[in-house]
C-alpha atoms as a PDB file:
ATOM      1  CA  MET A   1    -108.445 -20.190 142.817  1.00  0.00           C
ATOM      2  CA  PRO A   2    -112.005 -19.218 143.938  1.00  0.00           C
ATOM      3  CA  HIS A   3    -115.786 -21.139 142.434  1.00  0.00           C
ATOM      4  CA  GLN A   4    -116.359 -18.162 140.633  1.00  0.00           C
ATOM      5  CA  THR A   5    -113.129 -17.612 139.051  1.00  0.00           C
ATOM      6  CA  PHE A   6    -113.052 -21.087 137.421  1.00  0.00           C
ATOM      7  CA  ALA A   7    -116.499 -20.886 136.250  1.00  0.00           C
ATOM      8  CA  ARG A   8    -115.320 -16.952 134.404  1.00  0.00           C
ATOM      9  CA  ILE A   9    -112.539 -18.686 132.567  1.00  0.00           C
ATOM     10  CA  GLY A  10    -114.815 -21.979 131.645  1.00  0.00           C
ATOM     11  CA  ILE A  11    -117.274 -19.204 129.920  1.00  0.00           C
ATOM     12  CA  LEU A  12    -114.573 -17.392 128.155  1.00  0.00           C
ATOM     13  CA  VAL A  13    -113.332 -21.469 126.938  1.00  0.00           C
ATOM     14  CA  ILE A  14    -116.616 -21.966 125.461  1.00  0.00           C
ATOM     15  CA  ALA A  15    -117.076 -18.097 124.017  1.00  0.00           C
ATOM     16  CA  ALA A  16    -114.139 -18.741 121.980  1.00  0.00           C
ATOM     17  CA  LEU A  17    -115.298 -22.377 120.364  1.00  0.00           C
ATOM     18  CA  PRO A  18    -117.179 -20.563 117.680  1.00  0.00           C
ATOM     19  CA  MET A  19    -114.388 -18.290 116.575  1.00  0.00           C
ATOM     20  CA  THR A  20    -111.771 -21.202 116.399  1.00  0.00           C
ATOM     21  CA  ALA A  21    -113.982 -23.284 114.651  1.00  0.00           C
ATOM     22  CA  CYS A  22    -114.662 -20.473 112.152  1.00  0.00           C
ATOM     23  CA  ILE A  23    -110.797 -19.712 111.526  1.00  0.00           C
ATOM     24  CA  GLY A  24    -109.750 -23.421 111.789  1.00  0.00           C
ATOM     25  CA  GLY A  25    -112.631 -24.519 108.953  1.00  0.00           C
ATOM     26  CA  ARG A  26    -113.370 -22.004 106.556  1.00  0.00           C
ATOM     27  CA  SER A  27    -116.433 -21.612 104.940  1.00  0.00           C
ATOM     28  CA  PRO A  28    -116.443 -22.898 100.971  1.00  0.00           C
ATOM     29  CA  SER A  29    -115.976 -19.668  98.884  1.00  0.00           C
ATOM     30  CA  VAL A  30    -118.794 -18.312  96.096  1.00  0.00           C
ATOM     31  CA  GLN A  31    -118.028 -18.880  92.624  1.00  0.00           C
ATOM     32  CA  PHE A  32    -119.440 -16.683  90.063  1.00  0.00           C
ATOM     33  CA  TYR A  33    -121.008 -17.516  86.399  1.00  0.00           C
ATOM     34  CA  ASN A  34    -122.181 -15.824  83.395  1.00  0.00           C
ATOM     35  CA  LEU A  35    -123.788 -17.159  80.470  1.00  0.00           C
ATOM     36  CA  SER A  36    -121.737 -17.331  77.249  1.00  0.00           C
ATOM     37  CA  ALA A  37    -122.761 -16.589  73.716  1.00  0.00           C
ATOM     38  CA  THR A  38    -121.997 -20.187  71.570  1.00  0.00           C
ATOM     39  CA  GLU A  39    -123.232 -18.456  67.939  1.00  0.00           C
ATOM     40  CA  ALA A  40    -120.353 -15.668  68.053  1.00  0.00           C
ATOM     41  CA  GLY A  41    -118.174 -17.241  66.100  1.00  0.00           C
ATOM     42  CA  LEU A  42    -119.981 -17.196  63.236  1.00  0.00           C
ATOM     43  CA  THR A  43    -119.150 -14.080  60.830  1.00  0.00           C
ATOM     44  CA  PRO A  44    -121.619 -11.230  61.548  1.00  0.00           C
ATOM     45  CA  GLY A  45    -122.992  -9.802  58.503  1.00  0.00           C
ATOM     46  CA  THR A  46    -122.319  -5.694  57.690  1.00  0.00           C
ATOM     47  CA  THR A  47    -124.800  -3.408  59.003  1.00  0.00           C
ATOM     48  CA  GLU A  48    -126.763  -3.072  56.403  1.00  0.00           C
ATOM     49  CA  SER A  49    -127.506  -6.891  55.645  1.00  0.00           C
ATOM     50  CA  GLY A  50    -129.898  -9.088  57.122  1.00  0.00           C
ATOM     51  CA  PRO A  51    -132.920  -8.127  59.584  1.00  0.00           C
ATOM     52  CA  ALA A  52    -132.654  -5.370  61.956  1.00  0.00           C
ATOM     53  CA  ILE A  53    -133.735  -6.778  65.513  1.00  0.00           C
ATOM     54  CA  SER A  54    -134.687  -5.722  68.888  1.00  0.00           C
ATOM     55  CA  VAL A  55    -134.593  -8.578  71.317  1.00  0.00           C
ATOM     56  CA  GLY A  56    -136.430  -7.971  74.346  1.00  0.00           C
ATOM     57  CA  PRO A  57    -138.095  -7.419  76.831  1.00  0.00           C
ATOM     58  CA  VAL A  58    -137.543 -11.389  78.243  1.00  0.00           C
ATOM     59  CA  ILE A  59    -139.771 -12.136  81.694  1.00  0.00           C
ATOM     60  CA  PHE A  60    -138.445 -14.481  84.191  1.00  0.00           C
ATOM     61  CA  PRO A  61    -140.481 -16.099  87.083  1.00  0.00           C
ATOM     62  CA  LYS A  62    -139.740 -14.553  90.603  1.00  0.00           C
ATOM     63  CA  SER A  63    -137.547 -17.940  91.103  1.00  0.00           C
ATOM     64  CA  LEU A  64    -134.970 -17.247  88.769  1.00  0.00           C
ATOM     65  CA  ARG A  65    -134.889 -13.697  89.542  1.00  0.00           C
ATOM     66  CA  ARG A  66    -132.299 -14.378  92.125  1.00  0.00           C
ATOM     67  CA  ALA A  67    -128.578 -14.933  92.250  1.00  0.00           C
ATOM     68  CA  GLN A  68    -127.896 -17.780  93.550  1.00  0.00           C
ATOM     69  CA  LEU A  69    -128.178 -21.045  90.421  1.00  0.00           C
ATOM     70  CA  LEU A  70    -131.733 -23.061  91.082  1.00  0.00           C
ATOM     71  CA  ILE A  71    -131.158 -26.852  91.182  1.00  0.00           C
ATOM     72  CA  ARG A  72    -133.876 -29.069  89.960  1.00  0.00           C
ATOM     73  CA  THR A  73    -134.230 -31.749  93.167  1.00  0.00           C
ATOM     74  CA  GLY A  74    -137.575 -33.222  91.900  1.00  0.00           C
ATOM     75  CA  PRO A  75    -140.386 -32.731  89.595  1.00  0.00           C
ATOM     76  CA  ASN A  76    -142.144 -29.886  92.091  1.00  0.00           C
ATOM     77  CA  SER A  77    -138.764 -29.117  94.198  1.00  0.00           C
ATOM     78  CA  VAL A  78    -135.800 -27.000  93.475  1.00  0.00           C
ATOM     79  CA  GLU A  79    -133.034 -25.885  96.194  1.00  0.00           C
ATOM     80  CA  LEU A  80    -130.644 -22.113  95.684  1.00  0.00           C
ATOM     81  CA  ASP A  81    -127.011 -22.980  95.718  1.00  0.00           C
ATOM     82  CA  GLU A  82    -125.578 -20.315  98.001  1.00  0.00           C
ATOM     83  CA  PHE A  83    -121.938 -20.665  97.021  1.00  0.00           C
ATOM     84  CA  HIS A  84    -122.924 -20.804  92.978  1.00  0.00           C
ATOM     85  CA  ARG A  85    -124.402 -17.561  92.121  1.00  0.00           C
ATOM     86  CA  TRP A  86    -124.453 -15.885  88.717  1.00  0.00           C
ATOM     87  CA  SER A  87    -122.263 -13.009  88.333  1.00  0.00           C
ATOM     88  CA  GLY A  88    -124.834 -10.549  87.083  1.00  0.00           C
ATOM     89  CA  SER A  89    -129.131 -10.850  86.587  1.00  0.00           C
ATOM     90  CA  LEU A  90    -129.482 -14.069  84.647  1.00  0.00           C
ATOM     91  CA  GLU A  91    -132.695 -11.953  82.791  1.00  0.00           C
ATOM     92  CA  SER A  92    -130.386  -9.516  81.960  1.00  0.00           C
ATOM     93  CA  ASP A  93    -127.670 -12.160  80.634  1.00  0.00           C
ATOM     94  CA  PHE A  94    -129.908 -14.063  78.882  1.00  0.00           C
ATOM     95  CA  VAL A  95    -131.550 -11.236  76.780  1.00  0.00           C
ATOM     96  CA  ASP A  96    -127.674 -10.404  75.825  1.00  0.00           C
ATOM     97  CA  VAL A  97    -126.626 -13.331  74.999  1.00  0.00           C
ATOM     98  CA  LEU A  98    -129.755 -13.957  72.425  1.00  0.00           C
ATOM     99  CA  GLY A  99    -129.044 -11.002  71.192  1.00  0.00           C
ATOM    100  CA  ILE A 100    -125.392 -11.817  70.294  1.00  0.00           C
ATOM    101  CA  ASN A 101    -126.166 -15.323  69.027  1.00  0.00           C
ATOM    102  CA  LEU A 102    -128.979 -13.705  66.821  1.00  0.00           C
ATOM    103  CA  GLY A 103    -126.961 -11.390  65.100  1.00  0.00           C
ATOM    104  CA  ALA A 104    -124.349 -14.050  63.997  1.00  0.00           C
ATOM    105  CA  LEU A 105    -127.042 -16.456  62.921  1.00  0.00           C
ATOM    106  CA  LEU A 106    -128.951 -14.019  60.871  1.00  0.00           C
ATOM    107  CA  GLY A 107    -125.495 -12.258  59.816  1.00  0.00           C
ATOM    108  CA  THR A 108    -126.547  -8.348  60.809  1.00  0.00           C
ATOM    109  CA  GLN A 109    -124.962  -6.447  63.616  1.00  0.00           C
ATOM    110  CA  ARG A 110    -127.791  -4.872  64.078  1.00  0.00           C
ATOM    111  CA  VAL A 111    -129.144  -5.618  67.021  1.00  0.00           C
ATOM    112  CA  ALA A 112    -130.580  -3.756  70.147  1.00  0.00           C
ATOM    113  CA  MET A 113    -131.128  -5.650  73.577  1.00  0.00           C
ATOM    114  CA  TYR A 114    -133.900  -4.600  75.908  1.00  0.00           C
ATOM    115  CA  PRO A 115    -133.794  -2.114  77.805  1.00  0.00           C
ATOM    116  CA  ALA A 116    -131.782  -0.041  75.251  1.00  0.00           C
ATOM    117  CA  GLU A 117    -133.334   1.138  72.550  1.00  0.00           C
ATOM    118  CA  ALA A 118    -132.409   0.462  68.936  1.00  0.00           C
ATOM    119  CA  MET A 119    -130.640   3.218  66.954  1.00  0.00           C
ATOM    120  CA  PHE A 120    -132.141   2.159  63.874  1.00  0.00           C
ATOM    121  CA  PRO A 121    -135.124   1.279  62.072  1.00  0.00           C
ATOM    122  CA  THR A 122    -135.851  -2.046  63.209  1.00  0.00           C
ATOM    123  CA  ASP A 123    -138.222  -5.150  60.948  1.00  0.00           C
ATOM    124  CA  TYR A 124    -138.518  -7.502  63.930  1.00  0.00           C
ATOM    125  CA  ARG A 125    -138.453  -7.125  67.735  1.00  0.00           C
ATOM    126  CA  ILE A 126    -138.660 -10.582  69.761  1.00  0.00           C
ATOM    127  CA  SER A 127    -139.884 -10.794  73.193  1.00  0.00           C
ATOM    128  CA  LEU A 128    -140.070 -13.757  76.081  1.00  0.00           C
ATOM    129  CA  ASP A 129    -141.729 -15.547  78.478  1.00  0.00           C
ATOM    130  CA  VAL A 130    -139.979 -17.483  80.094  1.00  0.00           C
ATOM    131  CA  ASP A 131    -141.282 -20.446  82.280  1.00  0.00           C
ATOM    132  CA  ARG A 132    -138.610 -22.447  83.110  1.00  0.00           C
ATOM    133  CA  PHE A 133    -134.514 -22.796  82.482  1.00  0.00           C
ATOM    134  CA  ASP A 134    -133.467 -24.773  85.227  1.00  0.00           C
ATOM    135  CA  GLY A 135    -131.745 -28.579  86.149  1.00  0.00           C
ATOM    136  CA  ALA A 136    -129.033 -30.475  88.079  1.00  0.00           C
ATOM    137  CA  PRO A 137    -125.847 -31.296  87.567  1.00  0.00           C
ATOM    138  CA  GLY A 138    -125.217 -35.055  85.809  1.00  0.00           C
ATOM    139  CA  GLY A 139    -129.244 -34.430  84.763  1.00  0.00           C
ATOM    140  CA  THR A 140    -131.171 -32.338  82.230  1.00  0.00           C
ATOM    141  CA  LEU A 141    -131.449 -29.148  81.804  1.00  0.00           C
ATOM    142  CA  VAL A 142    -134.873 -27.385  80.844  1.00  0.00           C
ATOM    143  CA  LEU A 143    -135.310 -24.598  78.823  1.00  0.00           C
ATOM    144  CA  SER A 144    -139.237 -23.827  78.373  1.00  0.00           C
ATOM    145  CA  ALA A 145    -140.011 -20.250  77.109  1.00  0.00           C
ATOM    146  CA  ARG A 146    -143.326 -18.704  74.736  1.00  0.00           C
ATOM    147  CA  TRP A 147    -142.090 -16.239  72.357  1.00  0.00           C
ATOM    148  CA  THR A 148    -143.000 -13.353  69.714  1.00  0.00           C
ATOM    149  CA  VAL A 149    -141.856 -12.333  66.568  1.00  0.00           C
ATOM    150  CA  THR A 150    -143.362  -8.638  66.119  1.00  0.00           C
ATOM    151  CA  ALA A 151    -143.144  -7.302  62.573  1.00  0.00           C
ATOM    152  CA  ILE A 152    -142.887  -3.500  62.991  1.00  0.00           C
ATOM    153  CA  GLU A 153    -144.034  -2.745  59.738  1.00  0.00           C
ATOM    154  CA  THR A 154    -147.551  -3.988  60.547  1.00  0.00           C
ATOM    155  CA  MET A 155    -146.921  -4.491  64.679  1.00  0.00           C
ATOM    156  CA  SER A 156    -148.860  -7.540  64.446  1.00  0.00           C
ATOM    157  CA  ALA A 157    -147.328 -10.868  65.571  1.00  0.00           C
ATOM    158  CA  ALA A 158    -145.631 -12.730  62.944  1.00  0.00           C
ATOM    159  CA  ALA A 159    -144.952 -15.708  64.695  1.00  0.00           C
ATOM    160  CA  VAL A 160    -145.896 -16.974  67.861  1.00  0.00           C
ATOM    161  CA  ARG A 161    -144.200 -20.500  69.386  1.00  0.00           C
ATOM    162  CA  HIS A 162    -143.569 -22.418  72.227  1.00  0.00           C
ATOM    163  CA  SER A 163    -140.063 -23.868  72.968  1.00  0.00           C
ATOM    164  CA  ILE A 164    -139.422 -26.991  74.867  1.00  0.00           C
ATOM    165  CA  ILE A 165    -135.618 -27.371  74.981  1.00  0.00           C
ATOM    166  CA  GLN A 166    -133.911 -30.667  77.170  1.00  0.00           C
ATOM    167  CA  GLN A 167    -130.167 -30.667  76.868  1.00  0.00           C
ATOM    168  CA  PRO A 168    -128.672 -32.817  78.677  1.00  0.00           C
ATOM    169  CA  VAL A 169    -126.680 -32.051  81.431  1.00  0.00           C
ATOM    170  CA  ALA A 170    -122.365 -33.566  80.401  1.00  0.00           C
ATOM    171  CA  GLY A 171    -120.930 -33.923  83.927  1.00  0.00           C
ATOM    172  CA  ASP A 172    -121.554 -33.672  87.243  1.00  0.00           C
ATOM    173  CA  THR A 173    -120.176 -30.202  88.310  1.00  0.00           C
ATOM    174  CA  MET A 174    -121.629 -26.770  88.241  1.00  0.00           C
ATOM    175  CA  GLU A 175    -119.489 -25.663  85.112  1.00  0.00           C
ATOM    176  CA  ALA A 176    -120.789 -28.116  83.802  1.00  0.00           C
ATOM    177  CA  LEU A 177    -124.575 -27.076  84.601  1.00  0.00           C
ATOM    178  CA  VAL A 178    -123.767 -23.735  83.403  1.00  0.00           C
ATOM    179  CA  ARG A 179    -122.615 -24.898  80.280  1.00  0.00           C
ATOM    180  CA  ALA A 180    -125.694 -26.448  79.675  1.00  0.00           C
ATOM    181  CA  HIS A 181    -127.343 -23.352  79.854  1.00  0.00           C
ATOM    182  CA  ASP A 182    -125.588 -22.095  77.231  1.00  0.00           C
ATOM    183  CA  ALA A 183    -126.094 -25.019  74.854  1.00  0.00           C
ATOM    184  CA  ALA A 184    -130.124 -24.203  75.182  1.00  0.00           C
ATOM    185  CA  LEU A 185    -130.349 -21.007  74.886  1.00  0.00           C
ATOM    186  CA  ALA A 186    -128.452 -21.854  71.657  1.00  0.00           C
ATOM    187  CA  GLN A 187    -130.579 -23.828  70.580  1.00  0.00           C
ATOM    188  CA  LEU A 188    -133.503 -21.782  71.887  1.00  0.00           C
ATOM    189  CA  SER A 189    -131.579 -18.660  69.637  1.00  0.00           C
ATOM    190  CA  ARG A 190    -131.345 -21.414  66.232  1.00  0.00           C
ATOM    191  CA  GLN A 191    -135.009 -22.011  66.441  1.00  0.00           C
ATOM    192  CA  ILE A 192    -136.030 -18.436  66.251  1.00  0.00           C
ATOM    193  CA  ALA A 193    -133.716 -17.059  63.958  1.00  0.00           C
ATOM    194  CA  GLU A 194    -135.181 -19.960  61.487  1.00  0.00           C
ATOM    195  CA  GLN A 195    -138.068 -18.099  61.611  1.00  0.00           C
ATOM    196  CA  ILE A 196    -136.990 -14.998  61.485  1.00  0.00           C
ATOM    197  CA  ARG A 197    -135.592 -16.509  57.993  1.00  0.00           C
ATOM    198  CA  ALA A 198    -139.148 -17.448  57.017  1.00  0.00           C
ATOM    199  CA  LEU A 199    -140.772 -14.541  57.447  1.00  0.00           C
END
């Protein structure tokens, strides 16, 4: 067989190797997650009972406006997990779950979640600026948020607070980390609900 023919066969074998590797060793499949309301089991009030509230907007840092879950690897370092992602927008999930939690805690069904406009007169609007919402499996999740409760009648800030919530992650899996996100958001929901009740 001529030398050129051997060379061509060698090139074809080398070119086929990456395809064989891809077929034999598949990449891990991507897992998708979403936040869940933890206070939804409480009995909601009637349409007329409890305060009418509008939840949002919520401002997130650019690092959190991504599909990938953010993993804290050090005091000043994070990494994005390509194989564990939010099923939708984390910002939108955050607003929706906060609204569901607050409706249950305050005994009201009159809750509007940003960007939807309230179809009823509202008593309070809750706006938030989140600067941290991350952690690591087996570690601690931290939710840091500044939030304001605005009284609609006077259009004045009835309460301005800064919450820093540290939630232990009960397990070394990504599922445990997502559950810690839910638990931290539930804590924040209870703090806001308590403040609204005090007004």
